[in-house]
C-alpha atoms as a PDB file:
ATOM      1  CA  MET A   1       4.089 -26.346  -6.313  1.00  0.00           C
ATOM      2  CA  LYS A   2       4.202 -23.229  -8.529  1.00  0.00           C
ATOM      3  CA  THR A   3       0.491 -23.610  -9.305  1.00  0.00           C
ATOM      4  CA  ASP A   4      -0.313 -23.787  -5.579  1.00  0.00           C
ATOM      5  CA  LEU A   5       1.725 -20.640  -4.960  1.00  0.00           C
ATOM      6  CA  LEU A   6       0.010 -18.768  -7.798  1.00  0.00           C
ATOM      7  CA  PHE A   7      -3.424 -19.876  -6.581  1.00  0.00           C
ATOM      8  CA  ALA A   8      -2.650 -18.779  -3.009  1.00  0.00           C
ATOM      9  CA  LEU A   9      -1.221 -15.485  -4.289  1.00  0.00           C
ATOM     10  CA  GLY A  10      -4.277 -14.835  -6.453  1.00  0.00           C
ATOM     11  CA  LEU A  11      -6.698 -15.722  -3.663  1.00  0.00           C
ATOM     12  CA  THR A  12      -4.842 -13.525  -1.178  1.00  0.00           C
ATOM     13  CA  PHE A  13      -4.787 -10.486  -3.462  1.00  0.00           C
ATOM     14  CA  PHE A  14      -8.376 -11.072  -4.607  1.00  0.00           C
ATOM     15  CA  THR A  15      -9.795 -11.212  -1.082  1.00  0.00           C
ATOM     16  CA  THR A  16      -7.731  -8.259   0.073  1.00  0.00           C
ATOM     17  CA  ALA A  17      -8.796  -6.159  -2.914  1.00  0.00           C
ATOM     18  CA  ILE A  18     -12.468  -7.071  -2.807  1.00  0.00           C
ATOM     19  CA  PHE A  19     -12.864  -6.339   0.915  1.00  0.00           C
ATOM     20  CA  SER A  20     -10.723  -3.208   1.152  1.00  0.00           C
ATOM     21  CA  VAL A  21     -12.059   0.319   1.038  1.00  0.00           C
ATOM     22  CA  GLY A  22      -9.941   3.235  -0.148  1.00  0.00           C
ATOM     23  CA  GLY A  23      -7.845   1.866  -2.978  1.00  0.00           C
ATOM     24  CA  ILE A  24      -4.368   0.388  -3.111  1.00  0.00           C
ATOM     25  CA  SER A  25      -2.949   2.599  -0.355  1.00  0.00           C
ATOM     26  CA  ALA A  26      -5.567   1.344   2.092  1.00  0.00           C
ATOM     27  CA  MET A  27      -4.786  -2.275   1.147  1.00  0.00           C
ATOM     28  CA  ILE A  28      -1.127  -2.090   2.156  1.00  0.00           C
ATOM     29  CA  PRO A  29      -1.487  -3.044   5.856  1.00  0.00           C
ATOM     30  CA  GLU A  30      -3.471  -6.175   5.044  1.00  0.00           C
ATOM     31  CA  VAL A  31      -1.255  -7.060   2.089  1.00  0.00           C
ATOM     32  CA  HIS A  32       1.789  -6.695   4.359  1.00  0.00           C
ATOM     33  CA  ARG A  33       0.170  -8.916   6.980  1.00  0.00           C
ATOM     34  CA  GLN A  34      -0.662 -11.579   4.409  1.00  0.00           C
ATOM     35  CA  VAL A  35       2.575 -11.476   2.405  1.00  0.00           C
ATOM     36  CA  VAL A  36       5.033 -11.110   5.305  1.00  0.00           C
ATOM     37  CA  GLU A  37       3.381 -12.430   8.450  1.00  0.00           C
ATOM     38  CA  VAL A  38       0.828 -15.041   7.322  1.00  0.00           C
ATOM     39  CA  HIS A  39       2.454 -16.632   4.260  1.00  0.00           C
ATOM     40  CA  GLY A  40       6.073 -15.571   4.757  1.00  0.00           C
ATOM     41  CA  TRP A  41       6.541 -15.010   1.033  1.00  0.00           C
ATOM     42  CA  LEU A  42       8.660 -11.901   1.643  1.00  0.00           C
ATOM     43  CA  GLY A  43      10.476 -10.300   4.566  1.00  0.00           C
ATOM     44  CA  ASN A  44       9.924  -6.774   5.831  1.00  0.00           C
ATOM     45  CA  GLU A  45      12.926  -5.475   3.885  1.00  0.00           C
ATOM     46  CA  SER A  46      11.767  -6.940   0.561  1.00  0.00           C
ATOM     47  CA  PHE A  47       8.245  -5.641   1.166  1.00  0.00           C
ATOM     48  CA  ALA A  48       9.542  -2.156   1.957  1.00  0.00           C
ATOM     49  CA  THR A  49      11.775  -2.205  -1.128  1.00  0.00           C
ATOM     50  CA  ALA A  50       8.857  -3.221  -3.352  1.00  0.00           C
ATOM     51  CA  PHE A  51       6.786  -0.417  -1.845  1.00  0.00           C
ATOM     52  CA  ALA A  52       9.548   2.143  -2.421  1.00  0.00           C
ATOM     53  CA  LEU A  53      10.120   1.058  -6.009  1.00  0.00           C
ATOM     54  CA  SER A  54       6.405   1.126  -6.790  1.00  0.00           C
ATOM     55  CA  GLN A  55       6.090   4.641  -5.375  1.00  0.00           C
ATOM     56  CA  ILE A  56       9.014   6.173  -7.257  1.00  0.00           C
ATOM     57  CA  ALA A  57       8.035   4.594 -10.573  1.00  0.00           C
ATOM     58  CA  PRO A  58       5.598   6.542 -12.719  1.00  0.00           C
ATOM     59  CA  GLY A  59       2.151   5.080 -13.022  1.00  0.00           C
ATOM     60  CA  PRO A  60      -0.732   4.009 -10.833  1.00  0.00           C
ATOM     61  CA  ASN A  61      -0.480   2.607  -7.306  1.00  0.00           C
ATOM     62  CA  ILE A  62      -1.379  -0.846  -8.641  1.00  0.00           C
ATOM     63  CA  LEU A  63       2.333  -1.174  -9.387  1.00  0.00           C
ATOM     64  CA  MET A  64       2.729  -2.101  -5.711  1.00  0.00           C
ATOM     65  CA  MET A  65       0.671  -5.267  -6.155  1.00  0.00           C
ATOM     66  CA  SER A  66       2.382  -6.089  -9.440  1.00  0.00           C
ATOM     67  CA  MET A  67       5.818  -5.620  -7.859  1.00  0.00           C
ATOM     68  CA  LEU A  68       4.924  -7.877  -4.934  1.00  0.00           C
ATOM     69  CA  GLY A  69       3.578 -10.559  -7.281  1.00  0.00           C
ATOM     70  CA  TRP A  70       6.789 -10.424  -9.319  1.00  0.00           C
ATOM     71  CA  ARG A  71       8.998 -10.675  -6.222  1.00  0.00           C
ATOM     72  CA  ILE A  72       6.981 -13.621  -4.916  1.00  0.00           C
ATOM     73  CA  ALA A  73       6.525 -15.700  -8.083  1.00  0.00           C
ATOM     74  CA  GLY A  74       8.222 -14.028 -11.048  1.00  0.00           C
ATOM     75  CA  TRP A  75       6.357 -12.937 -14.163  1.00  0.00           C
ATOM     76  CA  ALA A  76       3.466 -15.305 -13.525  1.00  0.00           C
ATOM     77  CA  GLY A  77       3.117 -13.836 -10.027  1.00  0.00           C
ATOM     78  CA  LEU A  78       3.084 -10.321 -11.485  1.00  0.00           C
ATOM     79  CA  VAL A  79       0.216 -11.219 -13.812  1.00  0.00           C
ATOM     80  CA  VAL A  80      -1.763 -13.101 -11.138  1.00  0.00           C
ATOM     81  CA  ALA A  81      -1.349 -10.395  -8.467  1.00  0.00           C
ATOM     82  CA  THR A  82      -2.257  -7.607 -10.885  1.00  0.00           C
ATOM     83  CA  LEU A  83      -5.330  -9.330 -12.297  1.00  0.00           C
ATOM     84  CA  ALA A  84      -6.487 -10.545  -8.867  1.00  0.00           C
ATOM     85  CA  THR A  85      -6.377  -6.948  -7.672  1.00  0.00           C
ATOM     86  CA  VAL A  86      -7.791  -5.163 -10.718  1.00  0.00           C
ATOM     87  CA  VAL A  87     -10.473  -7.412 -12.192  1.00  0.00           C
ATOM     88  CA  PRO A  88     -12.708  -7.936  -9.130  1.00  0.00           C
ATOM     89  CA  THR A  89     -12.496  -4.314  -8.000  1.00  0.00           C
ATOM     90  CA  SER A  90     -13.260  -3.076 -11.507  1.00  0.00           C
ATOM     91  CA  ALA A  91     -16.309  -5.322 -11.694  1.00  0.00           C
ATOM     92  CA  LEU A  92     -17.418  -4.198  -8.231  1.00  0.00           C
ATOM     93  CA  SER A  93     -16.992  -0.534  -9.246  1.00  0.00           C
ATOM     94  CA  LEU A  94     -19.099  -1.071 -12.341  1.00  0.00           C
ATOM     95  CA  ILE A  95     -21.858  -2.730 -10.320  1.00  0.00           C
ATOM     96  CA  ALA A  96     -21.688  -0.057  -7.591  1.00  0.00           C
ATOM     97  CA  GLY A  97     -21.826   2.748 -10.156  1.00  0.00           C
ATOM     98  CA  ARG A  98     -24.954   1.326 -11.699  1.00  0.00           C
ATOM     99  CA  ALA A  99     -26.545   0.723  -8.304  1.00  0.00           C
ATOM    100  CA  GLU A 100     -25.759   4.274  -7.190  1.00  0.00           C
ATOM    101  CA  ASN A 101     -28.165   5.661  -9.767  1.00  0.00           C
ATOM    102  CA  ARG A 102     -30.987   3.687  -8.139  1.00  0.00           C
ATOM    103  CA  ILE A 103     -30.202   4.341  -4.469  1.00  0.00           C
ATOM    104  CA  SER A 104     -28.737   7.854  -4.421  1.00  0.00           C
ATOM    105  CA  HIS A 105     -32.024   9.350  -3.208  1.00  0.00           C
ATOM    106  CA  ALA A 106     -32.167   7.173  -0.052  1.00  0.00           C
ATOM    107  CA  ARG A 107     -31.380   8.838   3.276  1.00  0.00           C
ATOM    108  CA  TRP A 108     -28.981   6.101   4.395  1.00  0.00           C
ATOM    109  CA  TYR A 109     -26.977   6.529   1.212  1.00  0.00           C
ATOM    110  CA  GLY A 110     -26.038  10.125   2.068  1.00  0.00           C
ATOM    111  CA  LEU A 111     -25.022   9.133   5.605  1.00  0.00           C
ATOM    112  CA  THR A 112     -22.899   6.272   4.325  1.00  0.00           C
ATOM    113  CA  LYS A 113     -21.283   8.437   1.668  1.00  0.00           C
ATOM    114  CA  ARG A 114     -20.222  11.008   4.287  1.00  0.00           C
ATOM    115  CA  ALA A 115     -18.793   8.278   6.541  1.00  0.00           C
ATOM    116  CA  PHE A 116     -16.358   6.913   3.975  1.00  0.00           C
ATOM    117  CA  PRO A 117     -13.779   9.747   3.742  1.00  0.00           C
ATOM    118  CA  PRO A 118     -12.721   9.520   7.424  1.00  0.00           C
ATOM    119  CA  LEU A 119     -12.576   5.742   7.099  1.00  0.00           C
ATOM    120  CA  VAL A 120     -10.315   5.972   4.057  1.00  0.00           C
ATOM    121  CA  VAL A 121      -8.033   8.524   5.738  1.00  0.00           C
ATOM    122  CA  GLY A 122      -7.696   6.178   8.713  1.00  0.00           C
ATOM    123  CA  LEU A 123      -6.816   3.271   6.450  1.00  0.00           C
ATOM    124  CA  ILE A 124      -4.209   5.345   4.624  1.00  0.00           C
ATOM    125  CA  CYS A 125      -2.665   6.376   7.963  1.00  0.00           C
ATOM    126  CA  ALA A 126      -2.572   2.704   8.971  1.00  0.00           C
ATOM    127  CA  SER A 127      -0.856   1.984   5.656  1.00  0.00           C
ATOM    128  CA  ALA A 128       1.812   4.588   6.403  1.00  0.00           C
ATOM    129  CA  LEU A 129       2.389   3.132   9.864  1.00  0.00           C
ATOM    130  CA  VAL A 130       2.692  -0.458   8.645  1.00  0.00           C
ATOM    131  CA  THR A 131       5.051   0.551   5.832  1.00  0.00           C
ATOM    132  CA  ALA A 132       7.217   2.561   8.213  1.00  0.00           C
ATOM    133  CA  GLN A 133       7.385  -0.342  10.666  1.00  0.00           C
ATOM    134  CA  ALA A 134       8.389  -2.703   7.856  1.00  0.00           C
ATOM    135  CA  ALA A 135      11.079  -0.384   6.518  1.00  0.00           C
ATOM    136  CA  ILE A 136      12.662   0.990   9.673  1.00  0.00           C
ATOM    137  CA  ASP A 137      14.824  -0.933  12.091  1.00  0.00           C
ATOM    138  CA  GLU A 138      17.179   1.770  13.439  1.00  0.00           C
ATOM    139  CA  TRP A 139      16.529   4.765  15.713  1.00  0.00           C
ATOM    140  CA  LEU A 140      17.709   7.243  13.057  1.00  0.00           C
ATOM    141  CA  GLY A 141      15.072   5.924  10.667  1.00  0.00           C
ATOM    142  CA  TYR A 142      12.352   6.622  13.231  1.00  0.00           C
ATOM    143  CA  VAL A 143      13.685  10.150  13.801  1.00  0.00           C
ATOM    144  CA  LEU A 144      13.827  10.892  10.068  1.00  0.00           C
ATOM    145  CA  THR A 145      10.361   9.440   9.469  1.00  0.00           C
ATOM    146  CA  ALA A 146       8.860  11.428  12.333  1.00  0.00           C
ATOM    147  CA  GLY A 147      10.575  14.598  11.108  1.00  0.00           C
ATOM    148  CA  VAL A 148       9.260  14.220   7.574  1.00  0.00           C
ATOM    149  CA  ALA A 149       5.759  13.385   8.843  1.00  0.00           C
ATOM    150  CA  LEU A 150       5.693  16.429  11.109  1.00  0.00           C
ATOM    151  CA  PHE A 151       6.996  18.685   8.342  1.00  0.00           C
ATOM    152  CA  VAL A 152       4.303  17.482   5.957  1.00  0.00           C
ATOM    153  CA  ALA A 153       1.545  17.656   8.606  1.00  0.00           C
ATOM    154  CA  LEU A 154       2.420  21.123   9.911  1.00  0.00           C
ATOM    155  CA  THR A 155       3.460  23.004   6.777  1.00  0.00           C
ATOM    156  CA  ARG A 156       2.209  23.453   3.273  1.00  0.00           C
ATOM    157  CA  GLN A 157       5.709  23.218   1.823  1.00  0.00           C
ATOM    158  CA  ASN A 158       6.749  20.769  -0.854  1.00  0.00           C
ATOM    159  CA  PRO A 159       7.347  17.350   0.779  1.00  0.00           C
ATOM    160  CA  LEU A 160      10.297  16.733  -1.523  1.00  0.00           C
ATOM    161  CA  VAL A 161      12.418  19.084   0.638  1.00  0.00           C
ATOM    162  CA  PRO A 162      12.297  16.988   3.839  1.00  0.00           C
ATOM    163  CA  LEU A 163      12.496  13.802   1.773  1.00  0.00           C
ATOM    164  CA  ALA A 164      15.715  15.054   0.186  1.00  0.00           C
ATOM    165  CA  VAL A 165      17.107  16.068   3.597  1.00  0.00           C
ATOM    166  CA  ALA A 166      16.148  12.684   5.093  1.00  0.00           C
ATOM    167  CA  THR A 167      17.708  10.864   2.150  1.00  0.00           C
ATOM    168  CA  ALA A 168      20.938  12.823   2.497  1.00  0.00           C
ATOM    169  CA  ALA A 169      20.969  12.178   6.268  1.00  0.00           C
ATOM    170  CA  GLY A 170      20.421   8.460   5.655  1.00  0.00           C
ATOM    171  CA  VAL A 171      23.251   8.293   3.110  1.00  0.00           C
ATOM    172  CA  ILE A 172      25.610  10.160   5.431  1.00  0.00           C
ATOM    173  CA  ALA A 173      24.628   7.962   8.386  1.00  0.00           C
ATOM    174  CA  GLY A 174      25.198   4.876   6.242  1.00  0.00           C
ATOM    175  CA  ARG A 175      28.666   6.115   5.280  1.00  0.00           C
ATOM    176  CA  PHE A 176      29.581   6.504   8.949  1.00  0.00           C
ATOM    177  CA  GLY A 177      28.244   3.066   9.862  1.00  0.00           C
ATOM    178  CA  TYR A 178      25.034   3.989  11.646  1.00  0.00           C
ATOM    179  CA  PHE A 179      22.988   1.712   9.356  1.00  0.00           C
END
C-alpha cells in the first residue's frame, strides 16, 4: 500500500515537473489539481497550509513539493516528491542548455524564446488564482486578497505592508468570529 502511494506520488510529481514551463510556481495549479482533486491525498486547507509554510520558510520554491510529499506520505513522501521534481527537470535543463548552443542561431529559436515570458507570467497568475481559491472560503478572505493584489499591482510599495494589514485584519476578524 505504501509502495503504491509512493509510486503514484513520484509519477504525479515527475509528470507535472517534466511537462511544466516556468518553474515551481507555474506547477502549482496542476499539482493542486492532482493532489486535491484527482487523488484526494490532501484537502484544500492542507494544500494551502503547505503552500504558506513553504513560502515563509527560507530556501527555494522546491520546498512546496517537499512539504506536500511529507504531508502525503511522511519522510519517504518528502524524498520521493523532491527527487521526482528535481532530478528530471535538472536533466532536462542540462540537455536543453547543451542543445541551445547548437540551435541558438535558428530563426524559430528567437521567436520561441520571446514567447515564453508571457506564457510563464500567465502560468504564475493561474498559480495565484488556484492557491487563493484553495485557501479562501469566506468573503473577508476574498476582500483581503483582492486588496493586497490591487495594492501590489498598482503601487511600487513594499508588499509586506498590505500583507501585514491583511494579517492583522484576519486575526481581528477571527477573534470576533467572522472566520
